[in-house]
Structures are given as structure tokens and as C-alpha cells.
Amino acid sequence: MTNATTKGSILAWGWAFSVLLLITYLLCVAFGLIAPDTFHMHEAWAPLLPGFDWLTWPGFFAGAIGSFLYGWYIAILGVPLVRYFRKRIG
């Protein structure tokens, strides 16, 4: 596999994971705005997203950026790990 193919795969997975996590975050925020307090999920997001604070603009953007960056973190570490174990196992 060439270096260009490796970078392309990480780019594709990075964008896919990042957009997936960003959409999930936005859906959870929207759900939190319409659901009763007992069903809110913002307590689960707060420890995972530095700077996230429920119902503040800075907290909203910090959560969105953090969610997006977690997708890249997963791709940058995950794609090479999958390749490594794929070579070793099969």
C-alpha cells in the first residue's frame, strides 16, 4: 500500500468519524432542548469535552469542536492499528 493510499484512508476515516460525532453531538443537544430534564445527556458529555457547558454559546462551540476533533483522534490512531493487526492476523 502506498503512502498516498494510507493518507487517503486516514483522511476518509477522519472526516467520516468527525462528522458522525459532530452530528451525534448536535442531535444530543437538540434532544436536550426538547426533552424533559430527566432525559438530558449533557452530564455525560461534560467530562469528555473540555470547555463544554450546557446552554452557553462558548460551551456549545467547545463541545462541537471537541466532538469533531475526537473523530480525527480515532482515525489517526485507529487506521494504522487496524492495518497493523490486519497484517498480523490475516
PDB file of N, CA and C in Angstrom:
ATOM      1  N   MET A   1       0.847  -1.171   0.000  1.00  0.00           N
ATOM      2  CA  MET A   1       0.000   0.000   0.000  1.00  0.00           C
ATOM      3  C   MET A   1       0.894   1.235   0.000  1.00  0.00           C
ATOM      4  N   THR A   2       0.606   2.184  -0.863  1.00  0.00           N
ATOM      5  CA  THR A   2       1.447   3.367  -0.962  1.00  0.00           C
ATOM      6  C   THR A   2       1.133   4.354   0.140  1.00  0.00           C
ATOM      7  N   ASN A   3       2.052   5.284   0.334  1.00  0.00           N
ATOM      8  CA  ASN A   3       1.869   6.319   1.354  1.00  0.00           C
ATOM      9  C   ASN A   3       0.660   7.190   1.026  1.00  0.00           C
ATOM     10  N   ALA A   4       0.422   7.471  -0.261  1.00  0.00           N
ATOM     11  CA  ALA A   4      -0.734   8.277  -0.660  1.00  0.00           C
ATOM     12  C   ALA A   4      -2.040   7.568  -0.309  1.00  0.00           C
ATOM     13  N   THR A   5      -2.079   6.256  -0.501  1.00  0.00           N
ATOM     14  CA  THR A   5      -3.270   5.490  -0.152  1.00  0.00           C
ATOM     15  C   THR A   5      -3.500   5.506   1.353  1.00  0.00           C
ATOM     16  N   THR A   6      -2.426   5.401   2.113  1.00  0.00           N
ATOM     17  CA  THR A   6      -2.523   5.435   3.572  1.00  0.00           C
ATOM     18  C   THR A   6      -3.094   6.768   4.030  1.00  0.00           C
ATOM     19  N   LYS A   7      -2.572   7.861   3.514  1.00  0.00           N
ATOM     20  CA  LYS A   7      -3.068   9.184   3.886  1.00  0.00           C
ATOM     21  C   LYS A   7      -4.522   9.350   3.470  1.00  0.00           C
ATOM     22  N   GLY A   8      -4.870   8.859   2.279  1.00  0.00           N
ATOM     23  CA  GLY A   8      -6.243   8.968   1.806  1.00  0.00           C
ATOM     24  C   GLY A   8      -7.211   8.231   2.707  1.00  0.00           C
ATOM     25  N   SER A   9      -6.802   7.075   3.174  1.00  0.00           N
ATOM     26  CA  SER A   9      -7.664   6.300   4.049  1.00  0.00           C
ATOM     27  C   SER A   9      -7.859   7.008   5.390  1.00  0.00           C
ATOM     28  N   ILE A  10      -6.773   7.548   5.933  1.00  0.00           N
ATOM     29  CA  ILE A  10      -6.897   8.277   7.200  1.00  0.00           C
ATOM     30  C   ILE A  10      -7.762   9.513   7.003  1.00  0.00           C
ATOM     31  N   LEU A  11      -7.613  10.189   5.882  1.00  0.00           N
ATOM     32  CA  LEU A  11      -8.451  11.364   5.608  1.00  0.00           C
ATOM     33  C   LEU A  11      -9.927  10.979   5.512  1.00  0.00           C
ATOM     34  N   ALA A  12     -10.212   9.915   4.791  1.00  0.00           N
ATOM     35  CA  ALA A  12     -11.605   9.488   4.643  1.00  0.00           C
ATOM     36  C   ALA A  12     -12.204   9.099   5.989  1.00  0.00           C
ATOM     37  N   TRP A  13     -11.471   8.296   6.761  1.00  0.00           N
ATOM     38  CA  TRP A  13     -11.971   7.888   8.069  1.00  0.00           C
ATOM     39  C   TRP A  13     -12.032   9.066   9.033  1.00  0.00           C
ATOM     40  N   GLY A  14     -11.071   9.969   8.953  1.00  0.00           N
ATOM     41  CA  GLY A  14     -11.080  11.140   9.814  1.00  0.00           C
ATOM     42  C   GLY A  14     -12.313  11.992   9.590  1.00  0.00           C
ATOM     43  N   TRP A  15     -12.627  12.263   8.342  1.00  0.00           N
ATOM     44  CA  TRP A  15     -13.826  13.038   8.041  1.00  0.00           C
ATOM     45  C   TRP A  15     -15.093  12.279   8.428  1.00  0.00           C
ATOM     46  N   ALA A  16     -15.114  10.985   8.146  1.00  0.00           N
ATOM     47  CA  ALA A  16     -16.306  10.187   8.466  1.00  0.00           C
ATOM     48  C   ALA A  16     -16.561  10.156   9.974  1.00  0.00           C
ATOM     49  N   PHE A  17     -15.544   9.851  10.761  1.00  0.00           N
ATOM     50  CA  PHE A  17     -15.722   9.815  12.219  1.00  0.00           C
ATOM     51  C   PHE A  17     -16.050  11.192  12.781  1.00  0.00           C
ATOM     52  N   SER A  18     -15.362  12.214  12.285  1.00  0.00           N
ATOM     53  CA  SER A  18     -15.578  13.565  12.803  1.00  0.00           C
ATOM     54  C   SER A  18     -16.992  14.060  12.534  1.00  0.00           C
ATOM     55  N   VAL A  19     -17.467  13.858  11.331  1.00  0.00           N
ATOM     56  CA  VAL A  19     -18.826  14.288  11.002  1.00  0.00           C
ATOM     57  C   VAL A  19     -19.853  13.457  11.767  1.00  0.00           C
ATOM     58  N   LEU A  20     -19.610  12.162  11.903  1.00  0.00           N
ATOM     59  CA  LEU A  20     -20.508  11.309  12.677  1.00  0.00           C
ATOM     60  C   LEU A  20     -20.621  11.794  14.120  1.00  0.00           C
ATOM     61  N   LEU A  21     -19.480  12.066  14.757  1.00  0.00           N
ATOM     62  CA  LEU A  21     -19.512  12.519  16.147  1.00  0.00           C
ATOM     63  C   LEU A  21     -20.104  13.914  16.278  1.00  0.00           C
ATOM     64  N   LEU A  22     -19.860  14.780  15.309  1.00  0.00           N
ATOM     65  CA  LEU A  22     -20.450  16.116  15.341  1.00  0.00           C
ATOM     66  C   LEU A  22     -21.963  16.044  15.196  1.00  0.00           C
ATOM     67  N   ILE A  23     -22.458  15.235  14.281  1.00  0.00           N
ATOM     68  CA  ILE A  23     -23.910  15.073  14.111  1.00  0.00           C
ATOM     69  C   ILE A  23     -24.517  14.475  15.378  1.00  0.00           C
ATOM     70  N   THR A  24     -23.850  13.492  15.957  1.00  0.00           N
ATOM     71  CA  THR A  24     -24.343  12.893  17.199  1.00  0.00           C
ATOM     72  C   THR A  24     -24.421  13.930  18.304  1.00  0.00           C
ATOM     73  N   TYR A  25     -23.403  14.751  18.426  1.00  0.00           N
ATOM     74  CA  TYR A  25     -23.393  15.824  19.430  1.00  0.00           C
ATOM     75  C   TYR A  25     -24.560  16.787  19.194  1.00  0.00           C
ATOM     76  N   LEU A  26     -24.742  17.212  17.955  1.00  0.00           N
ATOM     77  CA  LEU A  26     -25.825  18.159  17.641  1.00  0.00           C
ATOM     78  C   LEU A  26     -27.197  17.553  17.924  1.00  0.00           C
ATOM     79  N   LEU A  27     -27.370  16.274  17.607  1.00  0.00           N
ATOM     80  CA  LEU A  27     -28.641  15.603  17.910  1.00  0.00           C
ATOM     81  C   LEU A  27     -28.877  15.514  19.411  1.00  0.00           C
ATOM     82  N   CYS A  28     -27.831  15.247  20.162  1.00  0.00           N
ATOM     83  CA  CYS A  28     -27.972  15.178  21.623  1.00  0.00           C
ATOM     84  C   CYS A  28     -28.314  16.538  22.212  1.00  0.00           C
ATOM     85  N   VAL A  29     -27.706  17.599  21.700  1.00  0.00           N
ATOM     86  CA  VAL A  29     -28.036  18.941  22.178  1.00  0.00           C
ATOM     87  C   VAL A  29     -29.489  19.264  21.831  1.00  0.00           C
ATOM     88  N   ALA A  30     -29.894  18.967  20.611  1.00  0.00           N
ATOM     89  CA  ALA A  30     -31.287  19.220  20.212  1.00  0.00           C
ATOM     90  C   ALA A  30     -32.252  18.419  21.080  1.00  0.00           C
ATOM     91  N   PHE A  31     -31.924  17.160  21.333  1.00  0.00           N
ATOM     92  CA  PHE A  31     -32.761  16.325  22.190  1.00  0.00           C
ATOM     93  C   PHE A  31     -32.853  16.922  23.588  1.00  0.00           C
ATOM     94  N   GLY A  32     -31.725  17.425  24.099  1.00  0.00           N
ATOM     95  CA  GLY A  32     -31.706  18.037  25.419  1.00  0.00           C
ATOM     96  C   GLY A  32     -32.570  19.283  25.512  1.00  0.00           C
ATOM     97  N   LEU A  33     -32.731  19.965  24.395  1.00  0.00           N
ATOM     98  CA  LEU A  33     -33.556  21.174  24.390  1.00  0.00           C
ATOM     99  C   LEU A  33     -35.052  20.867  24.387  1.00  0.00           C
ATOM    100  N   ILE A  34     -35.428  19.711  23.849  1.00  0.00           N
ATOM    101  CA  ILE A  34     -36.861  19.400  23.753  1.00  0.00           C
ATOM    102  C   ILE A  34     -37.333  18.347  24.764  1.00  0.00           C
ATOM    103  N   ALA A  35     -36.406  17.591  25.329  1.00  0.00           N
ATOM    104  CA  ALA A  35     -36.781  16.507  26.245  1.00  0.00           C
ATOM    105  C   ALA A  35     -36.871  17.023  27.680  1.00  0.00           C
ATOM    106  N   PRO A  36     -37.637  16.328  28.503  1.00  0.00           N
ATOM    107  CA  PRO A  36     -37.664  16.684  29.931  1.00  0.00           C
ATOM    108  C   PRO A  36     -36.282  16.525  30.567  1.00  0.00           C
ATOM    109  N   ASP A  37     -36.056  17.225  31.664  1.00  0.00           N
ATOM    110  CA  ASP A  37     -34.747  17.226  32.328  1.00  0.00           C
ATOM    111  C   ASP A  37     -34.248  15.824  32.690  1.00  0.00           C
ATOM    112  N   THR A  38     -35.141  14.914  32.991  1.00  0.00           N
ATOM    113  CA  THR A  38     -34.715  13.574  33.404  1.00  0.00           C
ATOM    114  C   THR A  38     -34.040  12.802  32.274  1.00  0.00           C
ATOM    115  N   PHE A  39     -34.230  13.226  31.037  1.00  0.00           N
ATOM    116  CA  PHE A  39     -33.647  12.528  29.890  1.00  0.00           C
ATOM    117  C   PHE A  39     -32.432  13.242  29.304  1.00  0.00           C
ATOM    118  N   HIS A  40     -31.966  14.298  29.923  1.00  0.00           N
ATOM    119  CA  HIS A  40     -30.837  15.055  29.377  1.00  0.00           C
ATOM    120  C   HIS A  40     -29.554  14.241  29.402  1.00  0.00           C
ATOM    121  N   MET A  41     -28.735  14.455  28.387  1.00  0.00           N
ATOM    122  CA  MET A  41     -27.468  13.739  28.261  1.00  0.00           C
ATOM    123  C   MET A  41     -26.254  14.635  28.479  1.00  0.00           C
ATOM    124  N   HIS A  42     -26.477  15.916  28.774  1.00  0.00           N
ATOM    125  CA  HIS A  42     -25.337  16.813  28.857  1.00  0.00           C
ATOM    126  C   HIS A  42     -24.401  16.468  30.010  1.00  0.00           C
ATOM    127  N   GLU A  43     -24.892  15.772  31.032  1.00  0.00           N
ATOM    128  CA  GLU A  43     -23.987  15.329  32.101  1.00  0.00           C
ATOM    129  C   GLU A  43     -22.985  14.306  31.583  1.00  0.00           C
ATOM    130  N   ALA A  44     -23.375  13.530  30.584  1.00  0.00           N
ATOM    131  CA  ALA A  44     -22.471  12.538  30.004  1.00  0.00           C
ATOM    132  C   ALA A  44     -21.413  13.203  29.112  1.00  0.00           C
ATOM    133  N   TRP A  45     -21.772  14.274  28.426  1.00  0.00           N
ATOM    134  CA  TRP A  45     -20.829  14.952  27.540  1.00  0.00           C
ATOM    135  C   TRP A  45     -19.787  15.757  28.307  1.00  0.00           C
ATOM    136  N   ALA A  46     -20.199  16.373  29.412  1.00  0.00           N
ATOM    137  CA  ALA A  46     -19.338  17.343  30.104  1.00  0.00           C
ATOM    138  C   ALA A  46     -17.948  16.808  30.460  1.00  0.00           C
ATOM    139  N   PRO A  47     -17.808  15.600  31.041  1.00  0.00           N
ATOM    140  CA  PRO A  47     -16.454  15.146  31.386  1.00  0.00           C
ATOM    141  C   PRO A  47     -15.586  14.821  30.163  1.00  0.00           C
ATOM    142  N   LEU A  48     -16.212  14.546  29.034  1.00  0.00           N
ATOM    143  CA  LEU A  48     -15.469  14.145  27.837  1.00  0.00           C
ATOM    144  C   LEU A  48     -15.065  15.313  26.948  1.00  0.00           C
ATOM    145  N   LEU A  49     -15.723  16.455  27.127  1.00  0.00           N
ATOM    146  CA  LEU A  49     -15.484  17.599  26.249  1.00  0.00           C
ATOM    147  C   LEU A  49     -15.030  18.805  27.061  1.00  0.00           C
ATOM    148  N   PRO A  50     -13.721  19.056  27.108  1.00  0.00           N
ATOM    149  CA  PRO A  50     -13.231  20.208  27.865  1.00  0.00           C
ATOM    150  C   PRO A  50     -13.857  21.507  27.363  1.00  0.00           C
ATOM    151  N   GLY A  51     -14.325  22.319  28.275  1.00  0.00           N
ATOM    152  CA  GLY A  51     -14.938  23.595  27.914  1.00  0.00           C
ATOM    153  C   GLY A  51     -16.428  23.526  27.669  1.00  0.00           C
ATOM    154  N   PHE A  52     -16.982  22.304  27.622  1.00  0.00           N
ATOM    155  CA  PHE A  52     -18.417  22.171  27.385  1.00  0.00           C
ATOM    156  C   PHE A  52     -19.184  22.604  28.620  1.00  0.00           C
ATOM    157  N   ASP A  53     -20.143  23.488  28.411  1.00  0.00           N
ATOM    158  CA  ASP A  53     -21.024  23.957  29.471  1.00  0.00           C
ATOM    159  C   ASP A  53     -22.421  24.058  28.871  1.00  0.00           C
ATOM    160  N   TRP A  54     -23.398  23.430  29.491  1.00  0.00           N
ATOM    161  CA  TRP A  54     -24.748  23.330  28.954  1.00  0.00           C
ATOM    162  C   TRP A  54     -25.393  24.709  28.802  1.00  0.00           C
ATOM    163  N   LEU A  55     -25.942  24.951  27.629  1.00  0.00           N
ATOM    164  CA  LEU A  55     -26.710  26.141  27.273  1.00  0.00           C
ATOM    165  C   LEU A  55     -25.933  27.448  27.345  1.00  0.00           C
ATOM    166  N   THR A  56     -24.665  27.393  26.962  1.00  0.00           N
ATOM    167  CA  THR A  56     -23.892  28.614  26.730  1.00  0.00           C
ATOM    168  C   THR A  56     -23.284  28.505  25.333  1.00  0.00           C
ATOM    169  N   TRP A  57     -23.141  29.627  24.642  1.00  0.00           N
ATOM    170  CA  TRP A  57     -22.555  29.582  23.303  1.00  0.00           C
ATOM    171  C   TRP A  57     -21.118  29.088  23.322  1.00  0.00           C
ATOM    172  N   PRO A  58     -20.275  29.597  24.245  1.00  0.00           N
ATOM    173  CA  PRO A  58     -18.907  29.054  24.270  1.00  0.00           C
ATOM    174  C   PRO A  58     -18.878  27.547  24.558  1.00  0.00           C
ATOM    175  N   GLY A  59     -19.751  27.091  25.461  1.00  0.00           N
ATOM    176  CA  GLY A  59     -19.820  25.664  25.759  1.00  0.00           C
ATOM    177  C   GLY A  59     -20.304  24.849  24.583  1.00  0.00           C
ATOM    178  N   PHE A  60     -21.275  25.384  23.854  1.00  0.00           N
ATOM    179  CA  PHE A  60     -21.791  24.699  22.666  1.00  0.00           C
ATOM    180  C   PHE A  60     -20.695  24.521  21.629  1.00  0.00           C
ATOM    181  N   PHE A  61     -19.964  25.608  21.342  1.00  0.00           N
ATOM    182  CA  PHE A  61     -18.906  25.525  20.332  1.00  0.00           C
ATOM    183  C   PHE A  61     -17.732  24.665  20.805  1.00  0.00           C
ATOM    184  N   ALA A  62     -17.418  24.719  22.094  1.00  0.00           N
ATOM    185  CA  ALA A  62     -16.361  23.856  22.624  1.00  0.00           C
ATOM    186  C   ALA A  62     -16.744  22.387  22.455  1.00  0.00           C
ATOM    187  N   GLY A  63     -17.990  22.057  22.715  1.00  0.00           N
ATOM    188  CA  GLY A  63     -18.456  20.682  22.536  1.00  0.00           C
ATOM    189  C   GLY A  63     -18.435  20.246  21.081  1.00  0.00           C
ATOM    190  N   ALA A  64     -18.842  21.140  20.182  1.00  0.00           N
ATOM    191  CA  ALA A  64     -18.852  20.817  18.756  1.00  0.00           C
ATOM    192  C   ALA A  64     -17.425  20.594  18.247  1.00  0.00           C
ATOM    193  N   ILE A  65     -16.521  21.485  18.619  1.00  0.00           N
ATOM    194  CA  ILE A  65     -15.131  21.349  18.183  1.00  0.00           C
ATOM    195  C   ILE A  65     -14.498  20.093  18.790  1.00  0.00           C
ATOM    196  N   GLY A  66     -14.753  19.856  20.063  1.00  0.00           N
ATOM    197  CA  GLY A  66     -14.216  18.658  20.708  1.00  0.00           C
ATOM    198  C   GLY A  66     -14.720  17.379  20.074  1.00  0.00           C
ATOM    199  N   SER A  67     -16.006  17.338  19.763  1.00  0.00           N
ATOM    200  CA  SER A  67     -16.580  16.154  19.105  1.00  0.00           C
ATOM    201  C   SER A  67     -15.915  15.914  17.759  1.00  0.00           C
ATOM    202  N   PHE A  68     -15.747  16.979  16.996  1.00  0.00           N
ATOM    203  CA  PHE A  68     -15.123  16.880  15.686  1.00  0.00           C
ATOM    204  C   PHE A  68     -13.675  16.380  15.814  1.00  0.00           C
ATOM    205  N   LEU A  69     -12.932  16.922  16.764  1.00  0.00           N
ATOM    206  CA  LEU A  69     -11.537  16.529  16.931  1.00  0.00           C
ATOM    207  C   LEU A  69     -11.386  15.090  17.417  1.00  0.00           C
ATOM    208  N   TYR A  70     -12.327  14.613  18.213  1.00  0.00           N
ATOM    209  CA  TYR A  70     -12.289  13.212  18.638  1.00  0.00           C
ATOM    210  C   TYR A  70     -12.368  12.271  17.431  1.00  0.00           C
ATOM    211  N   GLY A  71     -13.100  12.659  16.406  1.00  0.00           N
ATOM    212  CA  GLY A  71     -13.168  11.843  15.190  1.00  0.00           C
ATOM    213  C   GLY A  71     -11.807  11.692  14.531  1.00  0.00           C
ATOM    214  N   TRP A  72     -11.046  12.792  14.476  1.00  0.00           N
ATOM    215  CA  TRP A  72      -9.700  12.729  13.906  1.00  0.00           C
ATOM    216  C   TRP A  72      -8.772  11.914  14.786  1.00  0.00           C
ATOM    217  N   TYR A  73      -8.913  12.053  16.080  1.00  0.00           N
ATOM    218  CA  TYR A  73      -8.104  11.269  17.017  1.00  0.00           C
ATOM    219  C   TYR A  73      -8.319   9.769  16.767  1.00  0.00           C
ATOM    220  N   ILE A  74      -9.568   9.368  16.623  1.00  0.00           N
ATOM    221  CA  ILE A  74      -9.885   7.956  16.371  1.00  0.00           C
ATOM    222  C   ILE A  74      -9.273   7.497  15.049  1.00  0.00           C
ATOM    223  N   ALA A  75      -9.397   8.316  14.004  1.00  0.00           N
ATOM    224  CA  ALA A  75      -8.878   7.920  12.689  1.00  0.00           C
ATOM    225  C   ALA A  75      -7.353   7.854  12.678  1.00  0.00           C
ATOM    226  N   ILE A  76      -6.702   8.845  13.275  1.00  0.00           N
ATOM    227  CA  ILE A  76      -5.240   8.890  13.243  1.00  0.00           C
ATOM    228  C   ILE A  76      -4.631   7.712  13.998  1.00  0.00           C
ATOM    229  N   LEU A  77      -5.259   7.307  15.084  1.00  0.00           N
ATOM    230  CA  LEU A  77      -4.758   6.144  15.817  1.00  0.00           C
ATOM    231  C   LEU A  77      -5.355   4.834  15.312  1.00  0.00           C
ATOM    232  N   GLY A  78      -6.611   4.858  14.946  1.00  0.00           N
ATOM    233  CA  GLY A  78      -7.321   3.630  14.600  1.00  0.00           C
ATOM    234  C   GLY A  78      -6.944   3.029  13.273  1.00  0.00           C
ATOM    235  N   VAL A  79      -6.799   3.837  12.224  1.00  0.00           N
ATOM    236  CA  VAL A  79      -6.491   3.300  10.895  1.00  0.00           C
ATOM    237  C   VAL A  79      -5.147   2.567  10.888  1.00  0.00           C
ATOM    238  N   PRO A  80      -4.077   3.156  11.415  1.00  0.00           N
ATOM    239  CA  PRO A  80      -2.815   2.389  11.458  1.00  0.00           C
ATOM    240  C   PRO A  80      -2.909   1.127  12.319  1.00  0.00           C
ATOM    241  N   LEU A  81      -3.658   1.189  13.412  1.00  0.00           N
ATOM    242  CA  LEU A  81      -3.806  -0.007  14.249  1.00  0.00           C
ATOM    243  C   LEU A  81      -4.546  -1.115  13.508  1.00  0.00           C
ATOM    244  N   VAL A  82      -5.581  -0.772  12.788  1.00  0.00           N
ATOM    245  CA  VAL A  82      -6.311  -1.780  12.003  1.00  0.00           C
ATOM    246  C   VAL A  82      -5.390  -2.389  10.967  1.00  0.00           C
ATOM    247  N   ARG A  83      -4.615  -1.559  10.277  1.00  0.00           N
ATOM    248  CA  ARG A  83      -3.674  -2.079   9.280  1.00  0.00           C
ATOM    249  C   ARG A  83      -2.638  -3.010   9.913  1.00  0.00           C
ATOM    250  N   TYR A  84      -2.111  -2.608  11.053  1.00  0.00           N
ATOM    251  CA  TYR A  84      -1.116  -3.424  11.746  1.00  0.00           C
ATOM    252  C   TYR A  84      -1.674  -4.792  12.103  1.00  0.00           C
ATOM    253  N   PHE A  85      -2.854  -4.807  12.710  1.00  0.00           N
ATOM    254  CA  PHE A  85      -3.430  -6.084  13.139  1.00  0.00           C
ATOM    255  C   PHE A  85      -3.934  -6.895  11.959  1.00  0.00           C
ATOM    256  N   ARG A  86      -4.349  -6.244  10.893  1.00  0.00           N
ATOM    257  CA  ARG A  86      -4.770  -6.961   9.687  1.00  0.00           C
ATOM    258  C   ARG A  86      -3.594  -7.724   9.098  1.00  0.00           C
ATOM    259  N   LYS A  87      -2.407  -7.119   9.093  1.00  0.00           N
ATOM    260  CA  LYS A  87      -1.215  -7.797   8.578  1.00  0.00           C
ATOM    261  C   LYS A  87      -0.828  -8.970   9.475  1.00  0.00           C
ATOM    262  N   ARG A  88      -0.946  -8.807  10.775  1.00  0.00           N
ATOM    263  CA  ARG A  88      -0.515  -9.829  11.726  1.00  0.00           C
ATOM    264  C   ARG A  88      -1.485 -11.008  11.779  1.00  0.00           C
ATOM    265  N   ILE A  89      -2.772 -10.736  11.678  1.00  0.00           N
ATOM    266  CA  ILE A  89      -3.790 -11.789  11.841  1.00  0.00           C
ATOM    267  C   ILE A  89      -4.127 -12.443  10.522  1.00  0.00           C
ATOM    268  N   GLY A  90      -4.302 -11.661   9.491  1.00  0.00           N
ATOM    269  CA  GLY A  90      -4.767 -12.262   8.257  1.00  0.00           C
ATOM    270  C   GLY A  90      -3.982 -11.837   7.132  1.00  0.00           C
TER     271      GLY A  90
END
